[in-house]
Amino acid sequence: MEVVMSFAIGFLFMAAVYLILSKSILRIIIGTGLLSHGAHLLILTMGGLGGEAPPVLADGVTNMADPLPQALILTAIVISFGVTAFFLVLAYRAYQELGTDNLDEIRRILADDD
């Protein structure tokens, strides 16, 4: 299962880098979201995917998943949701003011204003 997750993580990182290197602000925001999802999957995979039931009444359980990466991922998901929402509002406001989401056009418009 770790091999499948490794390929999924690699694909997410590859797609995220491709989108981040584009000139559209919306694609950059989607790329950062994909990058954060890839990082979450990486942390989850490093923490261990498999495991048995929690040792409530069983003695000698040795193979269980570590709950710390899961708690870390849950916190990171909430933080990345807030950052993505802020980026989307910022991009929408920039589009309203400047009429484009192309970074080269935005640089040109801002350079002409100076």
N, C-alpha and C. Protein backbone atom coordinates (compact mmCIF):
# COMPACT_ATOMS: atom_id res chain seq x y z
N MET A 1 0.82 -1.19 0.00
CA MET A 1 0.00 0.00 0.00
C MET A 1 0.86 1.26 0.00
N GLU A 2 2.04 1.16 0.62
CA GLU A 2 2.92 2.32 0.67
C GLU A 2 3.43 2.70 -0.72
N VAL A 3 3.58 1.70 -1.59
CA VAL A 3 4.05 1.98 -2.96
C VAL A 3 2.99 2.77 -3.72
N VAL A 4 1.73 2.40 -3.56
CA VAL A 4 0.65 3.13 -4.23
C VAL A 4 0.58 4.55 -3.70
N MET A 5 0.71 4.70 -2.39
CA MET A 5 0.69 6.04 -1.80
C MET A 5 1.88 6.87 -2.27
N SER A 6 3.03 6.22 -2.45
CA SER A 6 4.22 6.94 -2.93
C SER A 6 3.99 7.48 -4.34
N PHE A 7 3.37 6.67 -5.19
CA PHE A 7 3.07 7.15 -6.54
C PHE A 7 2.02 8.27 -6.52
N ALA A 8 1.03 8.15 -5.65
CA ALA A 8 0.02 9.20 -5.54
C ALA A 8 0.64 10.50 -5.03
N ILE A 9 1.53 10.39 -4.06
CA ILE A 9 2.21 11.58 -3.53
C ILE A 9 3.08 12.22 -4.60
N GLY A 10 3.81 11.39 -5.33
CA GLY A 10 4.65 11.91 -6.42
C GLY A 10 3.83 12.60 -7.48
N PHE A 11 2.68 12.01 -7.84
CA PHE A 11 1.81 12.64 -8.84
C PHE A 11 1.27 13.96 -8.33
N LEU A 12 0.86 14.02 -7.06
CA LEU A 12 0.35 15.27 -6.50
C LEU A 12 1.43 16.35 -6.49
N PHE A 13 2.65 15.99 -6.09
CA PHE A 13 3.74 16.96 -6.10
C PHE A 13 4.06 17.43 -7.52
N MET A 14 4.03 16.49 -8.48
CA MET A 14 4.32 16.84 -9.87
C MET A 14 3.27 17.81 -10.41
N ALA A 15 2.00 17.51 -10.18
CA ALA A 15 0.93 18.38 -10.65
C ALA A 15 0.97 19.73 -9.94
N ALA A 16 1.31 19.73 -8.65
CA ALA A 16 1.38 20.98 -7.89
C ALA A 16 2.49 21.89 -8.41
N VAL A 17 3.65 21.32 -8.68
CA VAL A 17 4.76 22.14 -9.20
C VAL A 17 4.41 22.69 -10.57
N TYR A 18 3.77 21.88 -11.41
CA TYR A 18 3.35 22.36 -12.73
C TYR A 18 2.38 23.53 -12.60
N LEU A 19 1.42 23.42 -11.71
CA LEU A 19 0.43 24.49 -11.56
C LEU A 19 1.04 25.73 -10.90
N ILE A 20 1.94 25.55 -9.96
CA ILE A 20 2.55 26.70 -9.29
C ILE A 20 3.42 27.50 -10.26
N LEU A 21 4.02 26.84 -11.23
CA LEU A 21 4.88 27.53 -12.19
C LEU A 21 4.10 28.22 -13.32
N SER A 22 2.77 28.14 -13.32
CA SER A 22 1.99 28.81 -14.35
C SER A 22 1.83 30.29 -14.02
N LYS A 23 1.19 31.03 -14.92
CA LYS A 23 1.07 32.48 -14.74
C LYS A 23 -0.29 32.91 -14.22
N SER A 24 -1.21 31.99 -14.10
CA SER A 24 -2.54 32.30 -13.60
C SER A 24 -2.58 32.17 -12.08
N ILE A 25 -3.15 33.16 -11.43
CA ILE A 25 -3.21 33.14 -9.97
C ILE A 25 -4.08 31.98 -9.49
N LEU A 26 -5.17 31.70 -10.18
CA LEU A 26 -6.05 30.61 -9.77
C LEU A 26 -5.34 29.26 -9.86
N ARG A 27 -4.54 29.06 -10.89
CA ARG A 27 -3.78 27.81 -11.00
C ARG A 27 -2.73 27.70 -9.90
N ILE A 28 -2.14 28.82 -9.54
CA ILE A 28 -1.15 28.81 -8.45
C ILE A 28 -1.82 28.43 -7.13
N ILE A 29 -3.02 28.94 -6.90
CA ILE A 29 -3.75 28.60 -5.67
C ILE A 29 -4.11 27.12 -5.65
N ILE A 30 -4.58 26.60 -6.78
CA ILE A 30 -4.90 25.17 -6.86
C ILE A 30 -3.63 24.34 -6.66
N GLY A 31 -2.51 24.81 -7.21
CA GLY A 31 -1.24 24.11 -7.03
C GLY A 31 -0.79 24.06 -5.58
N THR A 32 -0.97 25.16 -4.85
CA THR A 32 -0.60 25.14 -3.44
C THR A 32 -1.51 24.20 -2.64
N GLY A 33 -2.77 24.13 -3.04
CA GLY A 33 -3.67 23.17 -2.40
C GLY A 33 -3.25 21.74 -2.65
N LEU A 34 -2.89 21.44 -3.89
CA LEU A 34 -2.41 20.09 -4.20
C LEU A 34 -1.11 19.78 -3.47
N LEU A 35 -0.25 20.77 -3.35
CA LEU A 35 1.01 20.56 -2.64
C LEU A 35 0.75 20.25 -1.16
N SER A 36 -0.19 20.95 -0.56
CA SER A 36 -0.50 20.67 0.84
C SER A 36 -1.13 19.30 1.00
N HIS A 37 -1.99 18.89 0.05
CA HIS A 37 -2.56 17.55 0.12
C HIS A 37 -1.49 16.48 -0.04
N GLY A 38 -0.54 16.72 -0.91
CA GLY A 38 0.57 15.78 -1.06
C GLY A 38 1.40 15.67 0.21
N ALA A 39 1.62 16.81 0.86
CA ALA A 39 2.37 16.79 2.12
C ALA A 39 1.59 16.05 3.21
N HIS A 40 0.27 16.22 3.23
CA HIS A 40 -0.54 15.49 4.21
C HIS A 40 -0.45 13.99 3.98
N LEU A 41 -0.55 13.58 2.72
CA LEU A 41 -0.42 12.15 2.42
C LEU A 41 0.97 11.62 2.76
N LEU A 42 1.99 12.44 2.54
CA LEU A 42 3.35 12.03 2.88
C LEU A 42 3.50 11.80 4.38
N ILE A 43 2.97 12.72 5.18
CA ILE A 43 3.05 12.57 6.64
C ILE A 43 2.25 11.35 7.09
N LEU A 44 1.08 11.14 6.49
CA LEU A 44 0.26 9.98 6.84
C LEU A 44 0.97 8.68 6.49
N THR A 45 1.60 8.63 5.33
CA THR A 45 2.32 7.43 4.92
C THR A 45 3.53 7.18 5.80
N MET A 46 4.24 8.24 6.16
CA MET A 46 5.40 8.06 7.03
C MET A 46 4.99 7.61 8.43
N GLY A 47 3.80 7.99 8.87
CA GLY A 47 3.32 7.58 10.19
C GLY A 47 2.86 6.14 10.24
N GLY A 48 2.67 5.53 9.10
CA GLY A 48 2.22 4.13 9.06
C GLY A 48 0.78 4.03 8.65
N LEU A 49 0.51 3.24 7.64
CA LEU A 49 -0.85 3.10 7.15
C LEU A 49 -1.60 1.98 7.86
N GLY A 50 -0.95 0.86 8.05
CA GLY A 50 -1.62 -0.30 8.62
C GLY A 50 -1.64 -0.26 10.13
N GLY A 51 -2.44 -1.11 10.67
CA GLY A 51 -2.52 -1.22 12.11
C GLY A 51 -3.68 -2.10 12.50
N GLU A 52 -3.68 -2.50 13.74
CA GLU A 52 -4.77 -3.31 14.25
C GLU A 52 -5.68 -2.44 15.10
N ALA A 53 -6.63 -3.07 15.71
CA ALA A 53 -7.56 -2.35 16.57
C ALA A 53 -6.81 -1.76 17.77
N PRO A 54 -7.30 -0.69 18.34
CA PRO A 54 -6.63 -0.12 19.51
C PRO A 54 -6.62 -1.11 20.68
N PRO A 55 -5.58 -1.07 21.47
CA PRO A 55 -5.46 -2.06 22.55
C PRO A 55 -6.33 -1.72 23.75
N VAL A 56 -7.64 -1.82 23.58
CA VAL A 56 -8.54 -1.51 24.68
C VAL A 56 -8.56 -2.66 25.68
N LEU A 57 -8.82 -3.86 25.18
CA LEU A 57 -8.86 -5.03 26.05
C LEU A 57 -7.87 -6.11 25.64
N ALA A 58 -7.14 -5.88 24.57
CA ALA A 58 -6.23 -6.91 24.07
C ALA A 58 -4.81 -6.64 24.57
N ASP A 59 -4.17 -7.70 24.98
CA ASP A 59 -2.77 -7.59 25.41
C ASP A 59 -1.86 -8.02 24.28
N GLY A 60 -0.70 -7.41 24.21
CA GLY A 60 0.29 -7.83 23.24
C GLY A 60 0.10 -7.28 21.84
N VAL A 61 -0.71 -6.25 21.66
CA VAL A 61 -0.87 -5.66 20.33
C VAL A 61 0.37 -4.83 20.04
N THR A 62 1.05 -5.16 18.96
CA THR A 62 2.30 -4.47 18.64
C THR A 62 2.22 -3.64 17.37
N ASN A 63 1.21 -3.86 16.54
CA ASN A 63 1.15 -3.20 15.25
C ASN A 63 -0.06 -2.27 15.20
N MET A 64 0.10 -1.04 15.62
CA MET A 64 -0.99 -0.08 15.52
C MET A 64 -0.46 1.24 14.97
N ALA A 65 -1.34 2.00 14.37
CA ALA A 65 -0.95 3.26 13.74
C ALA A 65 -0.69 4.31 14.82
N ASP A 66 0.26 5.18 14.54
CA ASP A 66 0.60 6.26 15.45
C ASP A 66 -0.43 7.37 15.30
N PRO A 67 -1.09 7.82 16.36
CA PRO A 67 -2.12 8.86 16.23
C PRO A 67 -1.56 10.27 16.06
N LEU A 68 -0.29 10.49 16.36
CA LEU A 68 0.27 11.83 16.27
C LEU A 68 0.27 12.38 14.84
N PRO A 69 0.70 11.62 13.82
CA PRO A 69 0.62 12.17 12.45
C PRO A 69 -0.81 12.48 12.02
N GLN A 70 -1.77 11.69 12.50
CA GLN A 70 -3.16 11.96 12.14
C GLN A 70 -3.64 13.27 12.74
N ALA A 71 -3.27 13.54 13.98
CA ALA A 71 -3.63 14.81 14.60
C ALA A 71 -2.93 15.98 13.92
N LEU A 72 -1.67 15.78 13.55
CA LEU A 72 -0.92 16.81 12.84
C LEU A 72 -1.55 17.11 11.49
N ILE A 73 -1.97 16.08 10.79
CA ILE A 73 -2.59 16.27 9.47
C ILE A 73 -3.92 16.99 9.61
N LEU A 74 -4.71 16.64 10.62
CA LEU A 74 -5.99 17.31 10.82
C LEU A 74 -5.79 18.80 11.07
N THR A 75 -4.81 19.16 11.88
CA THR A 75 -4.50 20.56 12.11
C THR A 75 -4.01 21.24 10.83
N ALA A 76 -3.17 20.56 10.07
CA ALA A 76 -2.65 21.13 8.82
C ALA A 76 -3.75 21.31 7.79
N ILE A 77 -4.74 20.42 7.76
CA ILE A 77 -5.86 20.57 6.82
C ILE A 77 -6.65 21.83 7.14
N VAL A 78 -6.91 22.07 8.41
CA VAL A 78 -7.66 23.27 8.81
C VAL A 78 -6.87 24.53 8.47
N ILE A 79 -5.58 24.53 8.73
CA ILE A 79 -4.75 25.69 8.41
C ILE A 79 -4.68 25.92 6.91
N SER A 80 -4.50 24.85 6.13
CA SER A 80 -4.42 25.02 4.68
C SER A 80 -5.76 25.46 4.10
N PHE A 81 -6.88 25.05 4.71
CA PHE A 81 -8.18 25.54 4.25
C PHE A 81 -8.29 27.04 4.47
N GLY A 82 -7.86 27.53 5.62
CA GLY A 82 -7.91 28.96 5.89
C GLY A 82 -7.00 29.76 4.97
N VAL A 83 -5.81 29.25 4.73
CA VAL A 83 -4.87 29.94 3.83
C VAL A 83 -5.40 29.95 2.40
N THR A 84 -5.98 28.83 1.96
CA THR A 84 -6.55 28.77 0.61
C THR A 84 -7.72 29.73 0.47
N ALA A 85 -8.56 29.82 1.49
CA ALA A 85 -9.68 30.76 1.44
C ALA A 85 -9.17 32.20 1.36
N PHE A 86 -8.12 32.52 2.13
CA PHE A 86 -7.54 33.86 2.07
C PHE A 86 -6.96 34.14 0.69
N PHE A 87 -6.24 33.17 0.11
CA PHE A 87 -5.67 33.35 -1.23
C PHE A 87 -6.77 33.56 -2.27
N LEU A 88 -7.87 32.82 -2.15
CA LEU A 88 -8.97 32.98 -3.12
C LEU A 88 -9.60 34.36 -3.02
N VAL A 89 -9.80 34.85 -1.81
CA VAL A 89 -10.37 36.19 -1.64
C VAL A 89 -9.40 37.24 -2.17
N LEU A 90 -8.12 37.07 -1.90
CA LEU A 90 -7.11 38.01 -2.40
C LEU A 90 -7.05 38.00 -3.92
N ALA A 91 -7.13 36.82 -4.53
CA ALA A 91 -7.11 36.72 -5.99
C ALA A 91 -8.37 37.32 -6.60
N TYR A 92 -9.51 37.10 -5.97
CA TYR A 92 -10.76 37.67 -6.48
C TYR A 92 -10.72 39.20 -6.42
N ARG A 93 -10.21 39.72 -5.33
CA ARG A 93 -10.11 41.18 -5.19
C ARG A 93 -9.13 41.77 -6.20
N ALA A 94 -8.02 41.08 -6.44
CA ALA A 94 -7.06 41.55 -7.44
C ALA A 94 -7.68 41.49 -8.83
N TYR A 95 -8.48 40.47 -9.10
CA TYR A 95 -9.14 40.38 -10.40
C TYR A 95 -10.17 41.50 -10.57
N GLN A 96 -10.87 41.84 -9.50
CA GLN A 96 -11.83 42.94 -9.57
C GLN A 96 -11.13 44.26 -9.84
N GLU A 97 -10.01 44.50 -9.20
CA GLU A 97 -9.31 45.77 -9.36
C GLU A 97 -8.56 45.87 -10.67
N LEU A 98 -7.91 44.78 -11.10
CA LEU A 98 -7.02 44.85 -12.25
C LEU A 98 -7.60 44.23 -13.51
N GLY A 99 -8.62 43.41 -13.39
CA GLY A 99 -9.27 42.83 -14.57
C GLY A 99 -8.56 41.64 -15.18
N THR A 100 -7.57 41.09 -14.52
CA THR A 100 -6.84 39.93 -15.03
C THR A 100 -6.29 39.12 -13.87
N ASP A 101 -6.03 37.83 -14.15
CA ASP A 101 -5.36 37.01 -13.15
C ASP A 101 -4.00 36.53 -13.65
N ASN A 102 -3.55 37.07 -14.76
CA ASN A 102 -2.24 36.74 -15.31
C ASN A 102 -1.18 37.57 -14.59
N LEU A 103 -0.18 36.91 -14.05
CA LEU A 103 0.83 37.62 -13.25
C LEU A 103 1.66 38.59 -14.09
N ASP A 104 1.94 38.25 -15.34
CA ASP A 104 2.69 39.17 -16.19
C ASP A 104 1.90 40.44 -16.45
N GLU A 105 0.60 40.29 -16.69
CA GLU A 105 -0.25 41.47 -16.90
C GLU A 105 -0.36 42.31 -15.62
N ILE A 106 -0.45 41.65 -14.49
CA ILE A 106 -0.53 42.38 -13.22
C ILE A 106 0.76 43.17 -12.99
N ARG A 107 1.91 42.55 -13.26
CA ARG A 107 3.18 43.27 -13.11
C ARG A 107 3.25 44.46 -14.06
N ARG A 108 2.77 44.28 -15.29
CA ARG A 108 2.79 45.37 -16.27
C ARG A 108 1.87 46.50 -15.83
N ILE A 109 0.69 46.17 -15.35
CA ILE A 109 -0.26 47.19 -14.90
C ILE A 109 0.30 47.95 -13.70
N LEU A 110 0.89 47.23 -12.76
CA LEU A 110 1.44 47.90 -11.58
C LEU A 110 2.68 48.72 -11.92
N ALA A 111 3.46 48.29 -12.90
CA ALA A 111 4.63 49.06 -13.32
C ALA A 111 4.21 50.33 -14.04
N ASP A 112 3.10 50.28 -14.79
CA ASP A 112 2.61 51.46 -15.49
C ASP A 112 2.04 52.49 -14.52
N ASP A 113 1.52 52.03 -13.39
CA ASP A 113 0.95 52.95 -12.40
C ASP A 113 2.03 53.75 -11.67
N ASP A 114 3.24 53.20 -11.58
CA ASP A 114 4.32 53.91 -10.88
C ASP A 114 4.86 54.97 -11.73
